[in-house]
C-alpha cells in the first residue's frame, strides 16, 4: 500500500535519490554520455535521451545493439570514474543543512549510480554520508522497481509506511510509490505524476522534510 502519513508510534526515515535530487549532475551526465557516444559514432543527443529513461545495459541495447554490451559498460564506467575525479559538481541549495539536520541512522541514499562515485561526489561537495547506501550493485532490479527503496528500508530496519522518499525523476517516483512509501518530488517545474507533494526546489522542501522526520505524530507528511 502507499502511505501519505507515517505511523505516529514509530520512528520516521528519509530516503534520498542522489543525482538530480541532492547533487546537480545533469551537465556531468550529459558530458559523459556525449563522450561515450562520440567513441561509438552515435548521435549524442539521441543517446542521452535514451539514457535518461533506462539503465546503461538497456541503453546499449537500444542505441548500440551491434556492440558488445560489456565493452560499452566498461567504456562508460571509465568515463564516469574520470568525471568524478575531474568534473565540477555542486550540491543543490539547502542539501548540506538538510542532511546535517537529520538524525544519524534516520536517512539513506538510494541511487542508480555506484557507491564509490557517490562518495567521491559527496566528498567534492562537502555533503555528509549516511550509514546506508543502496547503489546499482546492491540490487538486481533498479528503479522503477520497488526493490531499491525496499532494500534501503530493510537495512534501516524501517517499515515502508514510515519512509519518505525524495526524488526528482519519474522512475524514482514510481519506485518509491511501488514500495508503499510517501513520495515527494523536488527540483522540477511541474509535479512528477504520483507524488504526494511537489516542491520546485530542494531548498523549499527542506524544512518540510525535517518536520516529517522529527514530528511526534504522523501528520507532518500530509
C-alpha atoms as a PDB file:
ATOM      1  CA  UNK A   1       0.000   0.000   0.000  1.00  0.00           C
ATOM      2  CA  UNK A   2       1.014   3.601  -0.393  1.00  0.00           C
ATOM      3  CA  UNK A   3       1.092   5.967   2.546  1.00  0.00           C
ATOM      4  CA  UNK A   4       0.690   9.716   2.811  1.00  0.00           C
ATOM      5  CA  UNK A   5       1.392   9.720   6.555  1.00  0.00           C
ATOM      6  CA  UNK A   6       3.924   7.821   8.602  1.00  0.00           C
ATOM      7  CA  UNK A   7       2.694   5.863  11.605  1.00  0.00           C
ATOM      8  CA  UNK A   8       2.869   8.107  14.679  1.00  0.00           C
ATOM      9  CA  UNK A   9       4.124   5.405  17.031  1.00  0.00           C
ATOM     10  CA  UNK A  10       7.356   4.700  15.151  1.00  0.00           C
ATOM     11  CA  UNK A  11      10.479   6.487  14.041  1.00  0.00           C
ATOM     12  CA  UNK A  12      10.399   8.003  10.569  1.00  0.00           C
ATOM     13  CA  UNK A  13      13.034   7.762   7.844  1.00  0.00           C
ATOM     14  CA  UNK A  14      14.018   9.726   4.759  1.00  0.00           C
ATOM     15  CA  UNK A  15      15.366   8.031   1.638  1.00  0.00           C
ATOM     16  CA  UNK A  16      17.057  10.257  -0.932  1.00  0.00           C
ATOM     17  CA  UNK A  17      17.805   9.821  -4.575  1.00  0.00           C
ATOM     18  CA  UNK A  18      21.197  11.424  -5.366  1.00  0.00           C
ATOM     19  CA  UNK A  19      21.701  12.787  -8.897  1.00  0.00           C
ATOM     20  CA  UNK A  20      19.165  15.491  -9.620  1.00  0.00           C
ATOM     21  CA  UNK A  21      17.892  15.443  -6.043  1.00  0.00           C
ATOM     22  CA  UNK A  22      20.859  16.243  -3.789  1.00  0.00           C
ATOM     23  CA  UNK A  23      23.588  16.839  -6.371  1.00  0.00           C
ATOM     24  CA  UNK A  24      23.245  18.705  -9.657  1.00  0.00           C
ATOM     25  CA  UNK A  25      24.944  16.323 -12.075  1.00  0.00           C
ATOM     26  CA  UNK A  26      22.987  16.968 -15.275  1.00  0.00           C
ATOM     27  CA  UNK A  27      25.870  18.631 -17.134  1.00  0.00           C
ATOM     28  CA  UNK A  28      28.246  15.873 -15.961  1.00  0.00           C
ATOM     29  CA  UNK A  29      25.946  13.115 -17.125  1.00  0.00           C
ATOM     30  CA  UNK A  30      25.360  14.781 -20.461  1.00  0.00           C
ATOM     31  CA  UNK A  31      29.112  15.274 -20.978  1.00  0.00           C
ATOM     32  CA  UNK A  32      29.909  11.654 -20.095  1.00  0.00           C
ATOM     33  CA  UNK A  33      27.277  10.289 -22.439  1.00  0.00           C
ATOM     34  CA  UNK A  34      28.340  12.680 -25.220  1.00  0.00           C
ATOM     35  CA  UNK A  35      31.926  11.451 -24.972  1.00  0.00           C
ATOM     36  CA  UNK A  36      30.733   7.851 -24.905  1.00  0.00           C
ATOM     37  CA  UNK A  37      28.508   8.408 -27.955  1.00  0.00           C
ATOM     38  CA  UNK A  38      31.384  10.029 -29.844  1.00  0.00           C
ATOM     39  CA  UNK A  39      33.534   6.940 -29.272  1.00  0.00           C
ATOM     40  CA  UNK A  40      30.901   4.801 -30.966  1.00  0.00           C
ATOM     41  CA  UNK A  41      29.975   7.240 -33.716  1.00  0.00           C
ATOM     42  CA  UNK A  42      26.485   7.854 -32.341  1.00  0.00           C
ATOM     43  CA  UNK A  43      24.354  10.961 -32.031  1.00  0.00           C
ATOM     44  CA  UNK A  44      24.985  12.362 -28.545  1.00  0.00           C
ATOM     45  CA  UNK A  45      21.533  13.891 -28.069  1.00  0.00           C
ATOM     46  CA  UNK A  46      19.717  10.724 -29.108  1.00  0.00           C
ATOM     47  CA  UNK A  47      21.876   8.592 -26.815  1.00  0.00           C
ATOM     48  CA  UNK A  48      21.339  10.922 -23.871  1.00  0.00           C
ATOM     49  CA  UNK A  49      17.561  10.920 -24.290  1.00  0.00           C
ATOM     50  CA  UNK A  50      17.552   7.118 -24.133  1.00  0.00           C
ATOM     51  CA  UNK A  51      19.972   7.094 -21.195  1.00  0.00           C
ATOM     52  CA  UNK A  52      17.644   9.359 -19.200  1.00  0.00           C
ATOM     53  CA  UNK A  53      14.925   6.689 -19.311  1.00  0.00           C
ATOM     54  CA  UNK A  54      16.909   3.463 -18.994  1.00  0.00           C
ATOM     55  CA  UNK A  55      19.699   1.727 -17.145  1.00  0.00           C
ATOM     56  CA  UNK A  56      23.033   1.543 -19.055  1.00  0.00           C
ATOM     57  CA  UNK A  57      22.654  -2.019 -20.345  1.00  0.00           C
ATOM     58  CA  UNK A  58      19.197  -1.158 -21.647  1.00  0.00           C
ATOM     59  CA  UNK A  59      20.602   1.986 -23.247  1.00  0.00           C
ATOM     60  CA  UNK A  60      23.266  -0.011 -25.073  1.00  0.00           C
ATOM     61  CA  UNK A  61      20.655  -2.476 -26.323  1.00  0.00           C
ATOM     62  CA  UNK A  62      18.712   0.386 -27.889  1.00  0.00           C
ATOM     63  CA  UNK A  63      21.466   2.599 -29.277  1.00  0.00           C
ATOM     64  CA  UNK A  64      24.342   0.176 -29.893  1.00  0.00           C
ATOM     65  CA  UNK A  65      22.787  -3.244 -30.326  1.00  0.00           C
ATOM     66  CA  UNK A  66      25.660  -4.365 -32.569  1.00  0.00           C
ATOM     67  CA  UNK A  67      28.282  -3.660 -29.904  1.00  0.00           C
ATOM     68  CA  UNK A  68      29.473  -5.836 -27.029  1.00  0.00           C
ATOM     69  CA  UNK A  69      27.496  -4.509 -24.038  1.00  0.00           C
ATOM     70  CA  UNK A  70      30.322  -5.388 -21.643  1.00  0.00           C
ATOM     71  CA  UNK A  71      32.717  -3.265 -23.691  1.00  0.00           C
ATOM     72  CA  UNK A  72      30.157  -0.440 -23.764  1.00  0.00           C
ATOM     73  CA  UNK A  73      29.734  -0.619 -19.994  1.00  0.00           C
ATOM     74  CA  UNK A  74      33.480  -0.668 -19.360  1.00  0.00           C
ATOM     75  CA  UNK A  75      33.904   2.453 -21.500  1.00  0.00           C
ATOM     76  CA  UNK A  76      31.061   4.215 -19.685  1.00  0.00           C
ATOM     77  CA  UNK A  77      32.485   3.307 -16.268  1.00  0.00           C
ATOM     78  CA  UNK A  78      35.888   4.638 -17.284  1.00  0.00           C
ATOM     79  CA  UNK A  79      34.370   7.964 -18.330  1.00  0.00           C
ATOM     80  CA  UNK A  80      32.211   8.239 -15.219  1.00  0.00           C
ATOM     81  CA  UNK A  81      35.098   7.493 -12.879  1.00  0.00           C
ATOM     82  CA  UNK A  82      37.212  10.097 -14.629  1.00  0.00           C
ATOM     83  CA  UNK A  83      34.404  12.621 -14.295  1.00  0.00           C
ATOM     84  CA  UNK A  84      34.158  12.006 -10.533  1.00  0.00           C
ATOM     85  CA  UNK A  85      37.878  12.811 -10.266  1.00  0.00           C
ATOM     86  CA  UNK A  86      37.953  15.832 -12.573  1.00  0.00           C
ATOM     87  CA  UNK A  87      34.407  17.121 -13.074  1.00  0.00           C
ATOM     88  CA  UNK A  88      32.829  20.101 -11.345  1.00  0.00           C
ATOM     89  CA  UNK A  89      29.927  19.246  -9.037  1.00  0.00           C
ATOM     90  CA  UNK A  90      27.545  21.282  -6.943  1.00  0.00           C
ATOM     91  CA  UNK A  91      25.056  20.291  -4.265  1.00  0.00           C
ATOM     92  CA  UNK A  92      21.579  21.753  -4.595  1.00  0.00           C
ATOM     93  CA  UNK A  93      20.839  24.661  -2.295  1.00  0.00           C
ATOM     94  CA  UNK A  94      19.872  23.520   1.180  1.00  0.00           C
ATOM     95  CA  UNK A  95      21.258  19.986   0.777  1.00  0.00           C
ATOM     96  CA  UNK A  96      24.061  20.275   3.333  1.00  0.00           C
ATOM     97  CA  UNK A  97      21.899  21.888   6.005  1.00  0.00           C
ATOM     98  CA  UNK A  98      19.149  19.342   5.420  1.00  0.00           C
ATOM     99  CA  UNK A  99      21.369  16.274   5.689  1.00  0.00           C
ATOM    100  CA  UNK A 100      23.186  17.631   8.742  1.00  0.00           C
ATOM    101  CA  UNK A 101      19.802  18.274  10.333  1.00  0.00           C
ATOM    102  CA  UNK A 102      18.694  14.637  10.115  1.00  0.00           C
ATOM    103  CA  UNK A 103      19.470  12.210  12.937  1.00  0.00           C
ATOM    104  CA  UNK A 104      22.143   9.575  12.209  1.00  0.00           C
ATOM    105  CA  UNK A 105      20.537   6.311  11.176  1.00  0.00           C
ATOM    106  CA  UNK A 106      17.332   8.011  10.051  1.00  0.00           C
ATOM    107  CA  UNK A 107      18.219   8.506   6.387  1.00  0.00           C
ATOM    108  CA  UNK A 108      19.765   6.713   3.437  1.00  0.00           C
ATOM    109  CA  UNK A 109      20.769   7.189  -0.187  1.00  0.00           C
ATOM    110  CA  UNK A 110      19.132   5.142  -2.944  1.00  0.00           C
ATOM    111  CA  UNK A 111      20.929   5.630  -6.240  1.00  0.00           C
ATOM    112  CA  UNK A 112      21.195   4.061  -9.678  1.00  0.00           C
ATOM    113  CA  UNK A 113      24.874   5.044  -9.615  1.00  0.00           C
ATOM    114  CA  UNK A 114      27.677   3.240  -7.764  1.00  0.00           C
ATOM    115  CA  UNK A 115      28.691   3.868  -4.177  1.00  0.00           C
ATOM    116  CA  UNK A 116      32.303   4.835  -4.871  1.00  0.00           C
ATOM    117  CA  UNK A 117      31.139   7.569  -7.255  1.00  0.00           C
ATOM    118  CA  UNK A 118      28.560   8.834  -4.784  1.00  0.00           C
ATOM    119  CA  UNK A 119      31.219   9.001  -2.095  1.00  0.00           C
ATOM    120  CA  UNK A 120      33.503  10.897  -4.472  1.00  0.00           C
ATOM    121  CA  UNK A 121      30.789  13.410  -5.319  1.00  0.00           C
ATOM    122  CA  UNK A 122      29.801  13.886  -1.681  1.00  0.00           C
ATOM    123  CA  UNK A 123      33.440  14.439  -0.773  1.00  0.00           C
ATOM    124  CA  UNK A 124      33.753  17.046  -3.531  1.00  0.00           C
ATOM    125  CA  UNK A 125      30.602  18.876  -2.404  1.00  0.00           C
ATOM    126  CA  UNK A 126      31.055  18.557   1.359  1.00  0.00           C
ATOM    127  CA  UNK A 127      27.859  16.614   1.976  1.00  0.00           C
ATOM    128  CA  UNK A 128      27.726  14.178   4.929  1.00  0.00           C
ATOM    129  CA  UNK A 129      27.459  10.457   4.214  1.00  0.00           C
ATOM    130  CA  UNK A 130      24.781   8.224   5.764  1.00  0.00           C
ATOM    131  CA  UNK A 131      25.324   4.728   7.137  1.00  0.00           C
ATOM    132  CA  UNK A 132      23.167   3.159   4.412  1.00  0.00           C
ATOM    133  CA  UNK A 133      23.683   3.487   0.649  1.00  0.00           C
ATOM    134  CA  UNK A 134      21.791   1.279  -1.787  1.00  0.00           C
ATOM    135  CA  UNK A 135      23.524   1.533  -5.157  1.00  0.00           C
ATOM    136  CA  UNK A 136      23.304  -0.174  -8.551  1.00  0.00           C
ATOM    137  CA  UNK A 137      25.464  -3.062  -7.347  1.00  0.00           C
ATOM    138  CA  UNK A 138      23.225  -3.754  -4.346  1.00  0.00           C
ATOM    139  CA  UNK A 139      20.129  -4.766  -6.335  1.00  0.00           C
ATOM    140  CA  UNK A 140      19.347  -6.775  -9.442  1.00  0.00           C
ATOM    141  CA  UNK A 141      16.299  -4.663 -10.245  1.00  0.00           C
ATOM    142  CA  UNK A 142      16.749  -0.895 -10.442  1.00  0.00           C
ATOM    143  CA  UNK A 143      14.187   1.898 -10.387  1.00  0.00           C
ATOM    144  CA  UNK A 144      11.260   1.918 -11.217  1.00  0.00           C
ATOM    145  CA  UNK A 145      11.216  -1.439  -9.419  1.00  0.00           C
ATOM    146  CA  UNK A 146      10.393  -1.023  -5.703  1.00  0.00           C
ATOM    147  CA  UNK A 147      13.399  -3.186  -4.797  1.00  0.00           C
ATOM    148  CA  UNK A 148      15.973  -0.387  -4.234  1.00  0.00           C
ATOM    149  CA  UNK A 149      13.786   1.522  -1.781  1.00  0.00           C
ATOM    150  CA  UNK A 150      12.605  -1.637  -0.049  1.00  0.00           C
ATOM    151  CA  UNK A 151      16.237  -2.708   0.351  1.00  0.00           C
ATOM    152  CA  UNK A 152      17.085   0.631   1.964  1.00  0.00           C
ATOM    153  CA  UNK A 153      14.144   0.359   4.362  1.00  0.00           C
ATOM    154  CA  UNK A 154      15.192  -3.157   5.339  1.00  0.00           C
ATOM    155  CA  UNK A 155      18.750  -2.040   6.051  1.00  0.00           C
ATOM    156  CA  UNK A 156      17.403   0.747   8.259  1.00  0.00           C
ATOM    157  CA  UNK A 157      15.016  -1.704   9.970  1.00  0.00           C
ATOM    158  CA  UNK A 158      12.181   0.580   8.848  1.00  0.00           C
ATOM    159  CA  UNK A 159       8.654  -0.179   7.697  1.00  0.00           C
ATOM    160  CA  UNK A 160       7.854   1.173   4.211  1.00  0.00           C
ATOM    161  CA  UNK A 161       4.975   3.187   5.614  1.00  0.00           C
ATOM    162  CA  UNK A 162       7.385   5.074   7.875  1.00  0.00           C
ATOM    163  CA  UNK A 163       9.611   6.171   4.977  1.00  0.00           C
ATOM    164  CA  UNK A 164       9.628   9.402   2.976  1.00  0.00           C
ATOM    165  CA  UNK A 165      11.214   9.200  -0.484  1.00  0.00           C
ATOM    166  CA  UNK A 166      12.701  12.362  -2.028  1.00  0.00           C
ATOM    167  CA  UNK A 167      13.009  12.117  -5.815  1.00  0.00           C
ATOM    168  CA  UNK A 168      13.252  14.194  -8.961  1.00  0.00           C
ATOM    169  CA  UNK A 169      12.659  11.618 -11.707  1.00  0.00           C
ATOM    170  CA  UNK A 170       9.594   9.631 -12.815  1.00  0.00           C
ATOM    171  CA  UNK A 171      11.322   6.239 -12.492  1.00  0.00           C
ATOM    172  CA  UNK A 172      12.366   7.014  -8.919  1.00  0.00           C
ATOM    173  CA  UNK A 173       8.911   8.281  -8.020  1.00  0.00           C
ATOM    174  CA  UNK A 174       7.351   5.070  -9.330  1.00  0.00           C
ATOM    175  CA  UNK A 175       9.913   3.050  -7.377  1.00  0.00           C
ATOM    176  CA  UNK A 176       9.010   4.762  -4.109  1.00  0.00           C
ATOM    177  CA  UNK A 177       5.271   4.504  -4.727  1.00  0.00           C
ATOM    178  CA  UNK A 178       5.507   0.820  -5.565  1.00  0.00           C
ATOM    179  CA  UNK A 179       7.428   0.322  -2.319  1.00  0.00           C
ATOM    180  CA  UNK A 180       4.447   1.707  -0.407  1.00  0.00           C
ATOM    181  CA  UNK A 181       6.202   4.865   0.740  1.00  0.00           C
ATOM    182  CA  UNK A 182       5.340   8.549   0.873  1.00  0.00           C
ATOM    183  CA  UNK A 183       6.991  10.249  -2.113  1.00  0.00           C
ATOM    184  CA  UNK A 184       7.774  13.936  -2.509  1.00  0.00           C
ATOM    185  CA  UNK A 185       9.131  15.441  -5.719  1.00  0.00           C
ATOM    186  CA  UNK A 186      11.770  18.175  -5.870  1.00  0.00           C
ATOM    187  CA  UNK A 187      13.757  20.212  -8.399  1.00  0.00           C
ATOM    188  CA  UNK A 188      11.147  20.138 -11.148  1.00  0.00           C
ATOM    189  CA  UNK A 189       8.994  22.879 -12.613  1.00  0.00           C
ATOM    190  CA  UNK A 190       5.905  20.650 -12.635  1.00  0.00           C
ATOM    191  CA  UNK A 191       4.997  17.710 -10.373  1.00  0.00           C
ATOM    192  CA  UNK A 192       6.010  14.227 -11.424  1.00  0.00           C
ATOM    193  CA  UNK A 193       2.906  12.054 -11.728  1.00  0.00           C
ATOM    194  CA  UNK A 194       2.040  10.319  -8.470  1.00  0.00           C
ATOM    195  CA  UNK A 195       3.972  12.408  -5.944  1.00  0.00           C
ATOM    196  CA  UNK A 196       2.198  13.163  -2.681  1.00  0.00           C
ATOM    197  CA  UNK A 197       3.770  16.638  -2.520  1.00  0.00           C
ATOM    198  CA  UNK A 198       5.739  18.721  -5.002  1.00  0.00           C
ATOM    199  CA  UNK A 199       8.412  21.338  -4.377  1.00  0.00           C
ATOM    200  CA  UNK A 200      10.102  23.412  -7.050  1.00  0.00           C
ATOM    201  CA  UNK A 201      13.440  23.078  -5.254  1.00  0.00           C
ATOM    202  CA  UNK A 202      15.150  21.019  -2.589  1.00  0.00           C
ATOM    203  CA  UNK A 203      15.650  24.160  -0.522  1.00  0.00           C
ATOM    204  CA  UNK A 204      11.905  24.761  -0.482  1.00  0.00           C
ATOM    205  CA  UNK A 205      11.297  21.160   0.582  1.00  0.00           C
ATOM    206  CA  UNK A 206      13.992  21.033   3.275  1.00  0.00           C
ATOM    207  CA  UNK A 207      12.030  22.392   6.273  1.00  0.00           C
ATOM    208  CA  UNK A 208       9.097  20.129   5.450  1.00  0.00           C
ATOM    209  CA  UNK A 209      11.420  17.099   5.223  1.00  0.00           C
ATOM    210  CA  UNK A 210      12.915  17.933   8.614  1.00  0.00           C
ATOM    211  CA  UNK A 211       9.410  18.349  10.036  1.00  0.00           C
ATOM    212  CA  UNK A 212       8.413  14.936   8.704  1.00  0.00           C
ATOM    213  CA  UNK A 213      11.474  13.339  10.262  1.00  0.00           C
ATOM    214  CA  UNK A 214      11.077  14.956  13.665  1.00  0.00           C
ATOM    215  CA  UNK A 215       7.341  15.402  14.212  1.00  0.00           C
ATOM    216  CA  UNK A 216       5.903  13.356  17.107  1.00  0.00           C
ATOM    217  CA  UNK A 217       2.824  12.479  15.089  1.00  0.00           C
ATOM    218  CA  UNK A 218       2.245  11.298  11.540  1.00  0.00           C
ATOM    219  CA  UNK A 219       0.601  14.463  10.268  1.00  0.00           C
ATOM    220  CA  UNK A 220       3.880  16.011   9.031  1.00  0.00           C
ATOM    221  CA  UNK A 221       3.686  14.225   5.682  1.00  0.00           C
ATOM    222  CA  UNK A 222       0.192  15.324   4.782  1.00  0.00           C
END
